[in-house]
């Protein structure tokens, strides 16, 4: 479990139940840009997660569902 302010307890393997998480959803029109900005920060610090973030950006971009601003 992990803890999201908006969604409450969420089951994410490997994350302690009291660790806060921030969830971005593909329906959020700001999510792709947010991931791209995080990717730029990660790259500037040499973080190995950059490649995985490239894949996430692509997954968010090709998602065919309705998009909206976050509530």
PDB file of N, CA and C in Angstrom:
ATOM      1  N   UNK A   1       0.836  -1.199   0.000  1.00  0.00           N
ATOM      2  CA  UNK A   1       0.000   0.000   0.000  1.00  0.00           C
ATOM      3  C   UNK A   1       0.874   1.253   0.000  1.00  0.00           C
ATOM      4  N   UNK A   2       0.325   2.292  -0.531  1.00  0.00           N
ATOM      5  CA  UNK A   2       0.929   3.615  -0.484  1.00  0.00           C
ATOM      6  C   UNK A   2      -0.207   4.580  -0.184  1.00  0.00           C
ATOM      7  N   UNK A   3       0.115   5.821   0.053  1.00  0.00           N
ATOM      8  CA  UNK A   3      -0.906   6.777   0.469  1.00  0.00           C
ATOM      9  C   UNK A   3      -0.983   7.962  -0.480  1.00  0.00           C
ATOM     10  N   UNK A   4      -2.143   8.128  -1.125  1.00  0.00           N
ATOM     11  CA  UNK A   4      -2.393   9.251  -2.022  1.00  0.00           C
ATOM     12  C   UNK A   4      -3.416  10.169  -1.359  1.00  0.00           C
ATOM     13  N   UNK A   5      -3.157  11.460  -1.383  1.00  0.00           N
ATOM     14  CA  UNK A   5      -4.101  12.410  -0.792  1.00  0.00           C
ATOM     15  C   UNK A   5      -5.466  12.311  -1.465  1.00  0.00           C
ATOM     16  N   UNK A   6      -5.473  12.168  -2.795  1.00  0.00           N
ATOM     17  CA  UNK A   6      -6.726  12.135  -3.534  1.00  0.00           C
ATOM     18  C   UNK A   6      -7.383  10.755  -3.537  1.00  0.00           C
ATOM     19  N   UNK A   7      -6.590   9.687  -3.703  1.00  0.00           N
ATOM     20  CA  UNK A   7      -7.147   8.348  -3.898  1.00  0.00           C
ATOM     21  C   UNK A   7      -7.077   7.464  -2.662  1.00  0.00           C
ATOM     22  N   UNK A   8      -6.487   7.946  -1.591  1.00  0.00           N
ATOM     23  CA  UNK A   8      -6.392   7.161  -0.369  1.00  0.00           C
ATOM     24  C   UNK A   8      -5.316   6.101  -0.475  1.00  0.00           C
ATOM     25  N   UNK A   9      -5.559   4.943   0.118  1.00  0.00           N
ATOM     26  CA  UNK A   9      -4.583   3.859   0.087  1.00  0.00           C
ATOM     27  C   UNK A   9      -4.599   3.205  -1.292  1.00  0.00           C
ATOM     28  N   UNK A  10      -3.433   3.067  -1.891  1.00  0.00           N
ATOM     29  CA  UNK A  10      -3.307   2.396  -3.177  1.00  0.00           C
ATOM     30  C   UNK A  10      -2.273   1.288  -3.044  1.00  0.00           C
ATOM     31  N   UNK A  11      -2.541   0.169  -3.692  1.00  0.00           N
ATOM     32  CA  UNK A  11      -1.665  -0.987  -3.584  1.00  0.00           C
ATOM     33  C   UNK A  11      -0.590  -0.928  -4.665  1.00  0.00           C
ATOM     34  N   UNK A  12       0.617  -0.558  -4.259  1.00  0.00           N
ATOM     35  CA  UNK A  12       1.764  -0.507  -5.162  1.00  0.00           C
ATOM     36  C   UNK A  12       2.865  -1.337  -4.522  1.00  0.00           C
ATOM     37  N   UNK A  13       3.182  -2.484  -5.128  1.00  0.00           N
ATOM     38  CA  UNK A  13       4.209  -3.354  -4.538  1.00  0.00           C
ATOM     39  C   UNK A  13       5.527  -2.615  -4.321  1.00  0.00           C
ATOM     40  N   UNK A  14       6.120  -2.844  -3.175  1.00  0.00           N
ATOM     41  CA  UNK A  14       7.426  -2.269  -2.870  1.00  0.00           C
ATOM     42  C   UNK A  14       7.389  -0.891  -2.249  1.00  0.00           C
ATOM     43  N   UNK A  15       6.202  -0.304  -2.104  1.00  0.00           N
ATOM     44  CA  UNK A  15       6.088   1.017  -1.483  1.00  0.00           C
ATOM     45  C   UNK A  15       5.434   0.846  -0.112  1.00  0.00           C
ATOM     46  N   UNK A  16       6.071   1.336   0.939  1.00  0.00           N
ATOM     47  CA  UNK A  16       5.504   1.205   2.282  1.00  0.00           C
ATOM     48  C   UNK A  16       4.123   1.866   2.381  1.00  0.00           C
ATOM     49  N   UNK A  17       3.293   1.339   3.267  1.00  0.00           N
ATOM     50  CA  UNK A  17       1.909   1.820   3.377  1.00  0.00           C
ATOM     51  C   UNK A  17       1.801   3.271   3.807  1.00  0.00           C
ATOM     52  N   UNK A  18       2.807   3.811   4.464  1.00  0.00           N
ATOM     53  CA  UNK A  18       2.726   5.194   4.923  1.00  0.00           C
ATOM     54  C   UNK A  18       3.488   6.161   4.018  1.00  0.00           C
ATOM     55  N   UNK A  19       4.042   5.656   2.909  1.00  0.00           N
ATOM     56  CA  UNK A  19       4.798   6.532   2.007  1.00  0.00           C
ATOM     57  C   UNK A  19       3.845   7.273   1.074  1.00  0.00           C
ATOM     58  N   UNK A  20       3.910   8.594   1.055  1.00  0.00           N
ATOM     59  CA  UNK A  20       3.046   9.356   0.164  1.00  0.00           C
ATOM     60  C   UNK A  20       3.421   9.133  -1.305  1.00  0.00           C
ATOM     61  N   UNK A  21       2.422   9.105  -2.163  1.00  0.00           N
ATOM     62  CA  UNK A  21       2.634   9.009  -3.608  1.00  0.00           C
ATOM     63  C   UNK A  21       1.808  10.086  -4.294  1.00  0.00           C
ATOM     64  N   UNK A  22       2.230  10.459  -5.484  1.00  0.00           N
ATOM     65  CA  UNK A  22       1.514  11.439  -6.302  1.00  0.00           C
ATOM     66  C   UNK A  22       1.179  10.742  -7.609  1.00  0.00           C
ATOM     67  N   UNK A  23      -0.088  10.681  -7.969  1.00  0.00           N
ATOM     68  CA  UNK A  23      -0.530   9.909  -9.122  1.00  0.00           C
ATOM     69  C   UNK A  23      -0.867  10.841 -10.282  1.00  0.00           C
ATOM     70  N   UNK A  24      -0.287  10.535 -11.437  1.00  0.00           N
ATOM     71  CA  UNK A  24      -0.637  11.227 -12.677  1.00  0.00           C
ATOM     72  C   UNK A  24      -1.446  10.258 -13.522  1.00  0.00           C
ATOM     73  N   UNK A  25      -2.556  10.740 -14.052  1.00  0.00           N
ATOM     74  CA  UNK A  25      -3.400   9.887 -14.889  1.00  0.00           C
ATOM     75  C   UNK A  25      -3.331  10.355 -16.332  1.00  0.00           C
ATOM     76  N   UNK A  26      -3.458   9.420 -17.264  1.00  0.00           N
ATOM     77  CA  UNK A  26      -3.374   9.741 -18.689  1.00  0.00           C
ATOM     78  C   UNK A  26      -4.483  10.693 -19.116  1.00  0.00           C
ATOM     79  N   UNK A  27      -5.594  10.718 -18.414  1.00  0.00           N
ATOM     80  CA  UNK A  27      -6.681  11.629 -18.769  1.00  0.00           C
ATOM     81  C   UNK A  27      -6.353  13.088 -18.443  1.00  0.00           C
ATOM     82  N   UNK A  28      -5.348  13.320 -17.648  1.00  0.00           N
ATOM     83  CA  UNK A  28      -4.948  14.668 -17.251  1.00  0.00           C
ATOM     84  C   UNK A  28      -4.144  15.308 -18.386  1.00  0.00           C
ATOM     85  N   UNK A  29      -4.642  16.398 -18.945  1.00  0.00           N
ATOM     86  CA  UNK A  29      -3.964  17.058 -20.063  1.00  0.00           C
ATOM     87  C   UNK A  29      -2.588  17.587 -19.670  1.00  0.00           C
ATOM     88  N   UNK A  30      -2.329  17.753 -18.393  1.00  0.00           N
ATOM     89  CA  UNK A  30      -1.038  18.259 -17.929  1.00  0.00           C
ATOM     90  C   UNK A  30      -0.043  17.151 -17.605  1.00  0.00           C
ATOM     91  N   UNK A  31      -0.482  15.917 -17.594  1.00  0.00           N
ATOM     92  CA  UNK A  31       0.361  14.810 -17.137  1.00  0.00           C
ATOM     93  C   UNK A  31       1.586  14.601 -18.019  1.00  0.00           C
ATOM     94  N   UNK A  32       1.414  14.593 -19.326  1.00  0.00           N
ATOM     95  CA  UNK A  32       2.551  14.337 -20.210  1.00  0.00           C
ATOM     96  C   UNK A  32       3.630  15.399 -20.028  1.00  0.00           C
ATOM     97  N   UNK A  33       3.227  16.657 -19.967  1.00  0.00           N
ATOM     98  CA  UNK A  33       4.194  17.738 -19.756  1.00  0.00           C
ATOM     99  C   UNK A  33       4.879  17.604 -18.401  1.00  0.00           C
ATOM    100  N   UNK A  34       4.146  17.170 -17.407  1.00  0.00           N
ATOM    101  CA  UNK A  34       4.712  16.990 -16.072  1.00  0.00           C
ATOM    102  C   UNK A  34       5.787  15.907 -16.094  1.00  0.00           C
ATOM    103  N   UNK A  35       5.505  14.805 -16.772  1.00  0.00           N
ATOM    104  CA  UNK A  35       6.487  13.723 -16.856  1.00  0.00           C
ATOM    105  C   UNK A  35       7.714  14.192 -17.641  1.00  0.00           C
ATOM    106  N   UNK A  36       7.491  14.951 -18.711  1.00  0.00           N
ATOM    107  CA  UNK A  36       8.615  15.467 -19.498  1.00  0.00           C
ATOM    108  C   UNK A  36       9.494  16.394 -18.664  1.00  0.00           C
ATOM    109  N   UNK A  37       8.895  17.215 -17.823  1.00  0.00           N
ATOM    110  CA  UNK A  37       9.680  18.108 -16.961  1.00  0.00           C
ATOM    111  C   UNK A  37      10.449  17.292 -15.918  1.00  0.00           C
ATOM    112  N   UNK A  38       9.806  16.282 -15.350  1.00  0.00           N
ATOM    113  CA  UNK A  38      10.495  15.410 -14.392  1.00  0.00           C
ATOM    114  C   UNK A  38      11.644  14.677 -15.080  1.00  0.00           C
ATOM    115  N   UNK A  39      11.422  14.216 -16.322  1.00  0.00           N
ATOM    116  CA  UNK A  39      12.462  13.538 -17.086  1.00  0.00           C
ATOM    117  C   UNK A  39      13.669  14.461 -17.276  1.00  0.00           C
ATOM    118  N   UNK A  40      13.420  15.744 -17.593  1.00  0.00           N
ATOM    119  CA  UNK A  40      14.512  16.708 -17.771  1.00  0.00           C
ATOM    120  C   UNK A  40      15.297  16.881 -16.464  1.00  0.00           C
ATOM    121  N   UNK A  41      14.594  16.964 -15.349  1.00  0.00           N
ATOM    122  CA  UNK A  41      15.269  17.070 -14.052  1.00  0.00           C
ATOM    123  C   UNK A  41      16.082  15.817 -13.758  1.00  0.00           C
ATOM    124  N   UNK A  42      15.494  14.662 -14.021  1.00  0.00           N
ATOM    125  CA  UNK A  42      16.199  13.396 -13.779  1.00  0.00           C
ATOM    126  C   UNK A  42      17.450  13.311 -14.645  1.00  0.00           C
ATOM    127  N   UNK A  43      17.326  13.703 -15.903  1.00  0.00           N
ATOM    128  CA  UNK A  43      18.475  13.658 -16.815  1.00  0.00           C
ATOM    129  C   UNK A  43      19.580  14.594 -16.349  1.00  0.00           C
ATOM    130  N   UNK A  44      19.211  15.763 -15.858  1.00  0.00           N
ATOM    131  CA  UNK A  44      20.213  16.731 -15.417  1.00  0.00           C
ATOM    132  C   UNK A  44      20.981  16.250 -14.189  1.00  0.00           C
ATOM    133  N   UNK A  45      20.422  15.267 -13.502  1.00  0.00           N
ATOM    134  CA  UNK A  45      21.084  14.698 -12.326  1.00  0.00           C
ATOM    135  C   UNK A  45      21.670  13.312 -12.607  1.00  0.00           C
ATOM    136  N   UNK A  46      21.592  12.881 -13.853  1.00  0.00           N
ATOM    137  CA  UNK A  46      22.151  11.587 -14.220  1.00  0.00           C
ATOM    138  C   UNK A  46      21.387  10.392 -13.700  1.00  0.00           C
ATOM    139  N   UNK A  47      20.097  10.566 -13.422  1.00  0.00           N
ATOM    140  CA  UNK A  47      19.287   9.473 -12.883  1.00  0.00           C
ATOM    141  C   UNK A  47      18.997   8.433 -13.964  1.00  0.00           C
ATOM    142  N   UNK A  48      19.117   7.162 -13.640  1.00  0.00           N
ATOM    143  CA  UNK A  48      18.907   6.110 -14.631  1.00  0.00           C
ATOM    144  C   UNK A  48      17.447   5.917 -15.061  1.00  0.00           C
ATOM    145  N   UNK A  49      16.519   6.586 -14.442  1.00  0.00           N
ATOM    146  CA  UNK A  49      15.099   6.423 -14.745  1.00  0.00           C
ATOM    147  C   UNK A  49      14.687   7.085 -16.065  1.00  0.00           C
ATOM    148  N   UNK A  50      15.572   7.852 -16.676  1.00  0.00           N
ATOM    149  CA  UNK A  50      15.236   8.638 -17.869  1.00  0.00           C
ATOM    150  C   UNK A  50      14.647   7.770 -18.986  1.00  0.00           C
ATOM    151  N   UNK A  51      15.238   6.631 -19.269  1.00  0.00           N
ATOM    152  CA  UNK A  51      14.720   5.753 -20.320  1.00  0.00           C
ATOM    153  C   UNK A  51      13.308   5.286 -20.048  1.00  0.00           C
ATOM    154  N   UNK A  52      13.029   4.939 -18.804  1.00  0.00           N
ATOM    155  CA  UNK A  52      11.676   4.504 -18.444  1.00  0.00           C
ATOM    156  C   UNK A  52      10.690   5.657 -18.586  1.00  0.00           C
ATOM    157  N   UNK A  53      11.126   6.865 -18.297  1.00  0.00           N
ATOM    158  CA  UNK A  53      10.241   8.022 -18.425  1.00  0.00           C
ATOM    159  C   UNK A  53       9.928   8.317 -19.885  1.00  0.00           C
ATOM    160  N   UNK A  54      10.871   8.051 -20.795  1.00  0.00           N
ATOM    161  CA  UNK A  54      10.595   8.191 -22.227  1.00  0.00           C
ATOM    162  C   UNK A  54       9.424   7.288 -22.614  1.00  0.00           C
ATOM    163  N   UNK A  55       9.442   6.059 -22.113  1.00  0.00           N
ATOM    164  CA  UNK A  55       8.369   5.104 -22.405  1.00  0.00           C
ATOM    165  C   UNK A  55       7.048   5.555 -21.807  1.00  0.00           C
ATOM    166  N   UNK A  56       7.072   6.126 -20.592  1.00  0.00           N
ATOM    167  CA  UNK A  56       5.839   6.609 -19.966  1.00  0.00           C
ATOM    168  C   UNK A  56       5.231   7.767 -20.757  1.00  0.00           C
ATOM    169  N   UNK A  57       6.078   8.679 -21.220  1.00  0.00           N
ATOM    170  CA  UNK A  57       5.583   9.797 -22.027  1.00  0.00           C
ATOM    171  C   UNK A  57       4.866   9.251 -23.253  1.00  0.00           C
ATOM    172  N   UNK A  58       5.472   8.283 -23.918  1.00  0.00           N
ATOM    173  CA  UNK A  58       4.854   7.700 -25.105  1.00  0.00           C
ATOM    174  C   UNK A  58       3.519   7.034 -24.765  1.00  0.00           C
ATOM    175  N   UNK A  59       3.481   6.298 -23.668  1.00  0.00           N
ATOM    176  CA  UNK A  59       2.236   5.628 -23.261  1.00  0.00           C
ATOM    177  C   UNK A  59       1.126   6.644 -22.995  1.00  0.00           C
ATOM    178  N   UNK A  60       1.468   7.745 -22.339  1.00  0.00           N
ATOM    179  CA  UNK A  60       0.470   8.777 -22.058  1.00  0.00           C
ATOM    180  C   UNK A  60       0.010   9.448 -23.348  1.00  0.00           C
ATOM    181  N   UNK A  61       0.921   9.661 -24.295  1.00  0.00           N
ATOM    182  CA  UNK A  61       0.579  10.332 -25.545  1.00  0.00           C
ATOM    183  C   UNK A  61      -0.338   9.498 -26.424  1.00  0.00           C
ATOM    184  N   UNK A  62      -0.168   8.191 -26.433  1.00  0.00           N
ATOM    185  CA  UNK A  62      -0.978   7.350 -27.318  1.00  0.00           C
ATOM    186  C   UNK A  62      -2.298   6.900 -26.689  1.00  0.00           C
ATOM    187  N   UNK A  63      -2.494   7.169 -25.416  1.00  0.00           N
ATOM    188  CA  UNK A  63      -3.742   6.770 -24.758  1.00  0.00           C
ATOM    189  C   UNK A  63      -4.910   7.451 -25.459  1.00  0.00           C
ATOM    190  N   UNK A  64      -5.910   6.677 -25.840  1.00  0.00           N
ATOM    191  CA  UNK A  64      -7.002   7.183 -26.677  1.00  0.00           C
ATOM    192  C   UNK A  64      -8.206   7.709 -25.900  1.00  0.00           C
ATOM    193  N   UNK A  65      -8.161   7.658 -24.595  1.00  0.00           N
ATOM    194  CA  UNK A  65      -9.310   8.111 -23.804  1.00  0.00           C
ATOM    195  C   UNK A  65      -9.482   9.619 -23.810  1.00  0.00           C
ATOM    196  N   UNK A  66     -10.569  10.074 -23.213  1.00  0.00           N
ATOM    197  CA  UNK A  66     -10.843  11.509 -23.112  1.00  0.00           C
ATOM    198  C   UNK A  66      -9.869  12.176 -22.156  1.00  0.00           C
ATOM    199  N   UNK A  67      -9.449  13.359 -22.530  1.00  0.00           N
ATOM    200  CA  UNK A  67      -8.520  14.133 -21.682  1.00  0.00           C
ATOM    201  C   UNK A  67      -9.253  15.316 -21.075  1.00  0.00           C
ATOM    202  N   UNK A  68      -8.785  15.728 -19.899  1.00  0.00           N
ATOM    203  CA  UNK A  68      -9.387  16.875 -19.223  1.00  0.00           C
ATOM    204  C   UNK A  68      -8.373  17.479 -18.262  1.00  0.00           C
ATOM    205  N   UNK A  69      -8.636  18.679 -17.827  1.00  0.00           N
ATOM    206  CA  UNK A  69      -7.808  19.288 -16.789  1.00  0.00           C
ATOM    207  C   UNK A  69      -8.070  18.557 -15.476  1.00  0.00           C
ATOM    208  N   UNK A  70      -7.065  18.509 -14.596  1.00  0.00           N
ATOM    209  CA  UNK A  70      -7.278  17.808 -13.322  1.00  0.00           C
ATOM    210  C   UNK A  70      -8.318  18.503 -12.458  1.00  0.00           C
ATOM    211  N   UNK A  71      -9.018  17.704 -11.651  1.00  0.00           N
ATOM    212  CA  UNK A  71     -10.031  18.288 -10.743  1.00  0.00           C
ATOM    213  C   UNK A  71      -9.345  18.827  -9.515  1.00  0.00           C
TER     214      UNK A  71
END
